[in-house]
Amino acid sequence: MGNKSLSRPSLKEHSTPIKEGDAIPSVTFKTRTRIDADVENPFDWKDLTSEDLFKGKRVVLFSLPGAFTPTCSSTHLPGYEAAYDEIKSLGVDEVYCLSVNDAFVMRRWGLSQGLEEDKTPGSLGFKKVKLLPDGAALFTRGMGMSATWEKERGFGERSWRYSAVIKDMKVEKLFIEGGKVSQDYGPDPFEVSDAGTMVEYLKSVA
């Protein structure tokens, strides 16, 4: 390989956030869904599109750098799980948590967080906040939220931390930490994408 760099920073077009009013990317999420079978691993693969999840709905989405990471686990996901019923009461159909992790990791993280599992065949995994695996970062790139951590943390390509209200496939409201996507960034800002800020916004437009 010689001196050829192996680094692959996020492309500019993948890390320039889309704007309020823009359409969200149309991608396919590779999820695992429960099946009606008495086996050790009662799950099968299920493709879900952006249209399946967002079309004709008003959805709160929050995205974070990684399952099992400190702020994501101590504050970000628990805050939305606790506020789930209040958020739903403010004209929201569903709450999704997205991370650039695979479906297996996302389920284990949800269980470790104490989320109540929905064991109904065909379910999205949990009864309140639903966890979306964006393992190949396709949705994240389409949102312009791709951040690559190399020297910092060694995460590779992940999602920048943000939250959004998505109404029928278009961005109604967007909260981006720091106001922009930063690459290989040391700090982990968490000031505007929290559940409290989201509830305040939803109340203000109710």
Protein backbone atom coordinates (compact mmCIF):
# COMPACT_ATOMS: atom_id res chain seq x y z
CA MET A 1 0.00 0.00 0.00
CA GLY A 2 3.00 2.32 0.47
CA ASN A 3 2.00 5.74 1.72
CA LYS A 4 -1.47 5.62 0.19
CA SER A 5 -3.97 6.94 2.71
CA LEU A 6 -6.70 4.60 3.88
CA SER A 7 -8.73 7.46 5.33
CA ARG A 8 -12.17 8.01 3.86
CA PRO A 9 -13.71 11.20 5.24
CA SER A 10 -17.39 11.91 4.68
CA LEU A 11 -18.14 13.51 1.32
CA LYS A 12 -19.26 17.14 1.38
CA GLU A 13 -22.62 16.31 -0.23
CA HIS A 14 -23.23 13.72 2.49
CA SER A 15 -22.42 16.13 5.32
CA THR A 16 -24.28 19.26 4.19
CA PRO A 17 -27.62 19.04 6.03
CA ILE A 18 -30.88 19.24 4.14
CA LYS A 19 -33.16 22.10 5.09
CA GLU A 20 -36.60 22.48 6.57
CA GLY A 21 -39.13 21.96 3.80
CA ASP A 22 -36.89 19.52 1.92
CA ALA A 23 -37.91 15.94 1.17
CA ILE A 24 -36.15 13.24 3.16
CA PRO A 25 -34.15 10.55 1.32
CA SER A 26 -35.96 7.52 0.00
CA VAL A 27 -33.94 4.51 1.17
CA THR A 28 -34.44 0.95 2.38
CA PHE A 29 -33.76 0.04 6.01
CA LYS A 30 -32.63 -3.54 6.68
CA THR A 31 -34.57 -4.41 9.83
CA ARG A 32 -35.29 -7.54 11.83
CA THR A 33 -38.90 -8.34 12.64
CA ARG A 34 -40.34 -10.90 15.02
CA ILE A 35 -41.92 -14.00 13.49
CA ASP A 36 -44.40 -16.45 14.98
CA ALA A 37 -42.03 -19.34 15.65
CA ASP A 38 -40.88 -21.19 18.75
CA VAL A 39 -37.15 -20.99 18.00
CA GLU A 40 -34.13 -19.47 19.73
CA ASN A 41 -33.98 -16.52 17.33
CA PRO A 42 -37.60 -15.78 16.28
CA PHE A 43 -36.73 -13.01 13.81
CA ASP A 44 -36.43 -12.59 10.07
CA TRP A 45 -35.16 -9.85 7.80
CA LYS A 46 -37.67 -7.21 6.73
CA ASP A 47 -37.03 -4.37 4.33
CA LEU A 48 -38.74 -1.12 5.33
CA THR A 49 -38.62 1.91 3.06
CA SER A 50 -38.68 5.57 4.01
CA GLU A 51 -42.20 5.59 2.58
CA ASP A 52 -43.27 2.76 4.90
CA LEU A 53 -42.04 4.70 7.91
CA PHE A 54 -42.80 8.33 7.07
CA LYS A 55 -45.35 8.69 4.25
CA GLY A 56 -48.68 10.12 5.40
CA LYS A 57 -47.40 10.46 8.98
CA ARG A 58 -46.01 13.11 11.28
CA VAL A 59 -42.95 11.59 12.89
CA VAL A 60 -40.33 12.69 15.40
CA LEU A 61 -36.89 11.35 14.48
CA PHE A 62 -33.76 11.71 16.55
CA SER A 63 -30.40 10.46 15.41
CA LEU A 64 -27.21 9.85 17.31
CA PRO A 65 -23.60 8.72 16.78
CA GLY A 66 -23.83 5.25 18.24
CA ALA A 67 -25.71 2.66 20.22
CA PHE A 68 -24.18 1.97 23.66
CA THR A 69 -22.24 5.27 23.64
CA PRO A 70 -22.43 7.41 26.82
CA THR A 71 -24.61 10.45 26.01
CA CYS A 72 -26.82 8.43 23.67
CA SER A 73 -27.46 5.86 26.39
CA SER A 74 -27.59 8.06 29.50
CA THR A 75 -29.69 10.93 28.20
CA HIS A 76 -30.72 11.04 24.54
CA LEU A 77 -32.70 7.79 24.13
CA PRO A 78 -34.01 7.70 27.73
CA GLY A 79 -35.31 11.26 27.39
CA TYR A 80 -37.41 10.42 24.34
CA GLU A 81 -38.59 7.14 25.83
CA ALA A 82 -39.82 9.00 28.92
CA ALA A 83 -41.49 11.70 26.81
CA TYR A 84 -43.00 9.26 24.27
CA ASP A 85 -46.61 9.50 25.40
CA GLU A 86 -46.46 13.30 25.69
CA ILE A 87 -44.93 13.59 22.22
CA LYS A 88 -47.62 11.31 20.77
CA SER A 89 -50.29 13.49 22.39
CA LEU A 90 -48.98 16.53 20.50
CA GLY A 91 -49.99 15.38 17.03
CA VAL A 92 -47.19 12.92 16.38
CA ASP A 93 -47.77 9.43 14.98
CA GLU A 94 -44.47 7.80 15.92
CA VAL A 95 -41.01 8.40 17.42
CA TYR A 96 -37.94 6.86 15.78
CA CYS A 97 -34.34 6.70 17.00
CA LEU A 98 -31.79 6.24 14.22
CA SER A 99 -28.14 5.28 14.35
CA VAL A 100 -25.56 3.98 11.89
CA ASN A 101 -25.56 0.56 13.48
CA ASP A 102 -26.98 -2.76 12.31
CA ALA A 103 -30.31 -4.23 13.39
CA PHE A 104 -28.71 -6.71 15.82
CA VAL A 105 -26.83 -3.99 17.69
CA MET A 106 -29.89 -1.72 17.82
CA ARG A 107 -32.07 -4.45 19.36
CA ARG A 108 -29.47 -5.35 21.99
CA TRP A 109 -29.04 -1.68 22.84
CA GLY A 110 -32.79 -1.27 23.25
CA LEU A 111 -32.94 -4.26 25.56
CA SER A 112 -29.96 -3.00 27.58
CA GLN A 113 -31.77 0.34 27.94
CA GLY A 114 -34.79 -1.40 29.42
CA LEU A 115 -37.11 -0.59 26.52
CA GLU A 116 -40.24 -2.72 26.57
CA GLU A 117 -40.09 -5.19 23.71
CA ASP A 118 -43.09 -5.64 21.42
CA LYS A 119 -43.30 -9.38 20.85
CA THR A 120 -46.14 -9.16 18.33
CA PRO A 121 -45.15 -10.87 15.05
CA GLY A 122 -44.30 -8.20 12.46
CA SER A 123 -43.59 -5.51 15.06
CA LEU A 124 -40.87 -2.87 14.85
CA GLY A 125 -39.25 -4.24 17.99
CA PHE A 126 -40.26 -2.01 20.89
CA LYS A 127 -43.53 -0.61 22.23
CA LYS A 128 -42.55 3.04 22.54
CA VAL A 129 -39.54 4.56 20.75
CA LYS A 130 -38.71 2.47 17.66
CA LEU A 131 -35.03 1.93 16.82
CA LEU A 132 -34.03 2.29 13.15
CA PRO A 133 -30.80 0.66 11.93
CA ASP A 134 -29.10 2.73 9.22
CA GLY A 135 -26.17 0.35 9.01
CA ALA A 136 -24.94 1.45 5.57
CA ALA A 137 -25.54 5.16 6.41
CA LEU A 138 -27.75 5.65 3.35
CA PHE A 139 -30.43 7.67 5.15
CA THR A 140 -27.78 9.58 7.09
CA ARG A 141 -25.95 10.54 3.90
CA GLY A 142 -29.21 11.57 2.24
CA MET A 143 -30.01 13.81 5.21
CA GLY A 144 -26.57 15.40 4.88
CA MET A 145 -25.69 14.26 8.40
CA SER A 146 -22.70 11.98 7.74
CA ALA A 147 -19.80 12.49 10.14
CA THR A 148 -16.63 10.42 10.16
CA TRP A 149 -14.72 10.01 13.39
CA GLU A 150 -11.21 8.65 12.83
CA LYS A 151 -8.63 10.15 15.17
CA GLU A 152 -11.48 10.91 17.57
CA ARG A 153 -13.09 7.72 18.92
CA GLY A 154 -12.38 5.60 15.82
CA PHE A 155 -16.10 5.28 15.07
CA GLY A 156 -15.76 5.59 11.30
CA GLU A 157 -18.79 6.96 9.48
CA ARG A 158 -21.75 7.68 11.75
CA SER A 159 -24.63 10.13 12.07
CA TRP A 160 -24.22 13.58 13.52
CA ARG A 161 -26.53 14.17 16.47
CA TYR A 162 -29.82 15.85 15.45
CA SER A 163 -33.58 15.67 15.82
CA ALA A 164 -36.36 16.42 13.36
CA VAL A 165 -40.08 16.52 12.83
CA ILE A 166 -40.89 14.87 9.52
CA LYS A 167 -44.36 15.39 8.08
CA ASP A 168 -45.35 13.24 5.11
CA MET A 169 -41.75 12.75 3.90
CA LYS A 170 -40.73 16.42 4.32
CA VAL A 171 -38.75 18.09 7.09
CA GLU A 172 -41.03 20.28 9.19
CA LYS A 173 -38.46 21.17 11.85
CA LEU A 174 -34.76 20.40 12.25
CA PHE A 175 -32.52 20.70 15.31
CA ILE A 176 -28.82 20.15 14.51
CA GLU A 177 -26.27 20.11 17.30
CA GLY A 178 -23.86 22.99 16.77
CA GLY A 179 -25.87 24.10 13.75
CA LYS A 180 -23.73 22.08 11.36
CA VAL A 181 -22.03 18.71 10.86
CA SER A 182 -18.41 18.61 12.05
CA GLN A 183 -15.91 15.94 11.05
CA ASP A 184 -13.67 14.03 13.48
CA TYR A 185 -14.89 16.36 16.21
CA GLY A 186 -13.77 15.97 19.80
CA PRO A 187 -16.72 17.42 21.75
CA ASP A 188 -20.13 15.73 21.66
CA PRO A 189 -22.62 18.63 21.79
CA PHE A 190 -26.07 17.81 23.18
CA GLU A 191 -28.06 21.01 23.58
CA VAL A 192 -30.91 21.17 21.03
CA SER A 193 -31.75 17.62 19.92
CA ASP A 194 -33.04 16.53 23.34
CA ALA A 195 -36.61 15.48 24.10
CA GLY A 196 -37.35 18.61 26.15
CA THR A 197 -36.55 20.94 23.26
CA MET A 198 -38.68 18.79 20.95
CA VAL A 199 -41.66 18.87 23.32
CA GLU A 200 -41.38 22.66 23.61
CA TYR A 201 -41.44 22.98 19.82
CA LEU A 202 -44.42 20.63 19.43
CA LYS A 203 -46.36 22.58 22.07
CA SER A 204 -45.55 25.87 20.32
CA VAL A 205 -47.20 24.72 17.08
CA ALA A 206 -49.99 22.64 18.58
